Amino acid sequence: AVIVPGSANEVDLQKETEVKETIRQHLLAYSRKDLKAIMATVAPDAVFIGSGTDERLVGWGQIKAAYERDFGRKGSASFTFTWTSVASRGKVAWFASDCKALLKSGTRTYELVGRWTGVLEKEGDRWLFVQSHFSFPFVPPGNGQPARKSLR
């Protein structure tokens, strides 16, 4: 297949690259506990849902408060993706990913396997999260693959 400059494939590839970079910047900001940088990637009316029963966050105020609470905890977190799919239509893009979180607290290190999906909308020259859902896959007892595993 030949990619012609300005073709739909090239445009979609550009959007995919931009969306992946926004996701990467969001996660880097989380790892640095940089609230300002995180909120720069979030639309004011966004909806974020996490794996906790209290993690249904609507709008900047609730999302910001949840990140402040996370950043107030001791320890650190970093993320790697094992699979990501990005698609787009117009000014809207969506993604699904499998990831691993490495959490360090004191002398303990844990690896968590998670799933993250989201929707972003292009506003000017940047992509903003309008919806995000993070969860931990259910692992049936005895499966031998815990969602959380202690590394040390």
Protein backbone atom coordinates (compact mmCIF):
# COMPACT_ATOMS: atom_id res chain seq x y z
CA ALA A 1 0.00 0.00 0.00
CA VAL A 2 1.18 3.47 -0.82
CA ILE A 3 0.56 6.35 1.57
CA VAL A 4 -0.15 9.51 -0.38
CA PRO A 5 0.53 12.79 1.46
CA GLY A 6 -2.74 14.10 2.83
CA SER A 7 -4.47 10.74 2.57
CA ALA A 8 -6.90 9.47 5.21
CA ASN A 9 -4.35 6.90 6.43
CA GLU A 10 -1.74 9.58 7.05
CA VAL A 11 -4.22 11.81 8.87
CA ASP A 12 -5.39 8.93 11.08
CA LEU A 13 -1.79 8.02 11.85
CA GLN A 14 -1.10 11.64 12.84
CA LYS A 15 -4.15 11.66 15.16
CA GLU A 16 -3.08 8.33 16.66
CA THR A 17 0.40 9.71 17.34
CA GLU A 18 -1.01 12.88 18.92
CA VAL A 19 -3.47 10.95 21.12
CA LYS A 20 -0.78 8.52 22.28
CA GLU A 21 1.44 11.49 23.13
CA THR A 22 -1.36 13.07 25.19
CA ILE A 23 -1.83 9.79 27.07
CA ARG A 24 1.94 9.57 27.63
CA GLN A 25 2.11 13.15 28.91
CA HIS A 26 -0.83 12.47 31.25
CA LEU A 27 0.91 9.42 32.72
CA LEU A 28 4.27 11.17 33.02
CA ALA A 29 2.56 14.01 34.88
CA TYR A 30 0.93 11.43 37.18
CA SER A 31 4.31 9.83 37.88
CA ARG A 32 5.73 13.27 38.74
CA LYS A 33 2.62 14.15 40.79
CA ASP A 34 2.26 17.25 38.60
CA LEU A 35 -1.36 18.32 39.06
CA LYS A 36 -1.13 21.32 36.72
CA ALA A 37 0.21 19.18 33.85
CA ILE A 38 -2.46 16.51 34.43
CA MET A 39 -5.31 19.01 34.43
CA ALA A 40 -3.94 20.55 31.21
CA THR A 41 -4.98 17.30 29.47
CA VAL A 42 -8.53 17.21 30.90
CA ALA A 43 -11.63 18.94 29.49
CA PRO A 44 -13.62 20.97 32.07
CA ASP A 45 -16.72 18.75 31.73
CA ALA A 46 -14.86 15.41 31.61
CA VAL A 47 -16.09 12.25 33.34
CA PHE A 48 -13.53 9.91 34.92
CA ILE A 49 -14.40 6.52 36.40
CA GLY A 50 -11.88 4.50 38.37
CA SER A 51 -11.89 1.09 39.97
CA GLY A 52 -12.86 2.34 43.45
CA THR A 53 -16.52 2.51 44.46
CA ASP A 54 -16.13 6.26 45.08
CA GLU A 55 -14.33 6.97 41.81
CA ARG A 56 -17.10 8.45 39.68
CA LEU A 57 -15.78 11.92 38.96
CA VAL A 58 -17.65 14.55 36.96
CA GLY A 59 -15.99 17.82 36.02
CA TRP A 60 -12.71 19.49 36.83
CA GLY A 61 -13.40 20.01 40.53
CA GLN A 62 -13.99 16.34 41.34
CA ILE A 63 -11.22 15.11 39.04
CA LYS A 64 -8.71 17.58 40.48
CA ALA A 65 -9.67 16.64 44.06
CA ALA A 66 -9.17 12.93 43.29
CA TYR A 67 -5.69 13.55 41.86
CA GLU A 68 -4.79 15.75 44.85
CA ARG A 69 -5.85 12.87 47.14
CA ASP A 70 -3.73 10.41 45.13
CA PHE A 71 -0.73 12.73 45.18
CA GLY A 72 -1.04 13.15 48.94
CA ARG A 73 -0.26 9.46 49.43
CA LYS A 74 3.30 8.33 49.99
CA GLY A 75 5.00 6.31 47.31
CA SER A 76 5.27 6.50 43.54
CA ALA A 77 3.74 5.00 40.43
CA SER A 78 4.91 4.46 36.86
CA PHE A 79 3.07 2.88 33.93
CA THR A 80 3.89 0.82 30.86
CA PHE A 81 1.50 -0.25 28.14
CA THR A 82 1.38 -3.80 26.87
CA TRP A 83 -1.29 -3.08 24.22
CA THR A 84 -3.02 0.05 22.94
CA SER A 85 -5.63 0.66 20.27
CA VAL A 86 -6.51 4.17 19.07
CA ALA A 87 -9.21 5.19 16.60
CA SER A 88 -10.68 8.54 15.64
CA ARG A 89 -13.38 10.30 13.71
CA GLY A 90 -13.19 14.03 13.16
CA LYS A 91 -12.25 15.84 16.38
CA VAL A 92 -12.94 12.79 18.57
CA ALA A 93 -10.58 9.90 19.35
CA TRP A 94 -10.91 6.90 21.64
CA PHE A 95 -8.46 4.39 22.99
CA ALA A 96 -8.31 1.10 24.85
CA SER A 97 -5.19 -0.22 26.55
CA ASP A 98 -3.77 -2.89 28.79
CA CYS A 99 -1.12 -1.58 31.13
CA LYS A 100 1.04 -2.39 34.09
CA ALA A 101 1.49 -0.03 37.00
CA LEU A 102 4.58 -0.28 39.16
CA LEU A 103 3.73 1.06 42.62
CA LYS A 104 6.39 1.74 45.22
CA SER A 105 5.52 2.40 48.84
CA GLY A 106 8.33 2.41 51.37
CA THR A 107 10.33 -0.76 50.81
CA ARG A 108 7.49 -2.57 49.02
CA THR A 109 6.99 -2.68 45.25
CA TYR A 110 3.81 -3.92 43.59
CA GLU A 111 2.88 -4.54 39.99
CA LEU A 112 -0.77 -4.02 39.06
CA VAL A 113 -2.30 -5.07 35.76
CA GLY A 114 -4.97 -2.68 34.58
CA ARG A 115 -7.13 -1.61 31.69
CA TRP A 116 -7.67 1.98 30.64
CA THR A 117 -10.12 3.31 28.08
CA GLY A 118 -10.91 6.87 27.21
CA VAL A 119 -12.27 9.41 24.78
CA LEU A 120 -10.44 12.59 23.81
CA GLU A 121 -11.61 15.62 21.87
CA LYS A 122 -9.41 17.97 19.86
CA GLU A 123 -9.61 21.51 21.20
CA GLY A 124 -7.50 23.88 19.13
CA ASP A 125 -4.10 22.21 18.81
CA ARG A 126 -4.41 19.77 21.75
CA TRP A 127 -6.32 16.66 22.67
CA LEU A 128 -8.25 16.68 25.95
CA PHE A 129 -9.71 13.79 27.90
CA VAL A 130 -13.51 13.98 27.97
CA GLN A 131 -13.98 10.46 29.37
CA SER A 132 -11.67 8.02 31.14
CA HIS A 133 -12.25 4.64 32.73
CA PHE A 134 -9.56 2.69 34.56
CA SER A 135 -10.18 -0.76 35.99
CA PHE A 136 -8.49 -3.91 37.17
CA PRO A 137 -9.54 -7.05 35.28
CA PHE A 138 -11.37 -9.66 37.33
CA VAL A 139 -9.23 -12.73 37.87
CA PRO A 140 -11.18 -15.81 38.99
CA PRO A 141 -9.82 -17.43 42.18
CA GLY A 142 -7.24 -20.12 41.46
CA ASN A 143 -6.39 -18.70 38.04
CA GLY A 144 -2.81 -18.13 39.18
CA GLN A 145 -2.60 -14.65 37.67
CA PRO A 146 -3.24 -12.05 40.34
CA ALA A 147 -4.12 -8.50 39.25
CA ARG A 148 -1.75 -7.32 42.00
CA LYS A 149 1.53 -9.02 42.63
CA SER A 150 4.17 -8.12 45.19
CA LEU A 151 7.61 -7.84 43.63
CA ARG A 152 9.48 -7.16 46.90
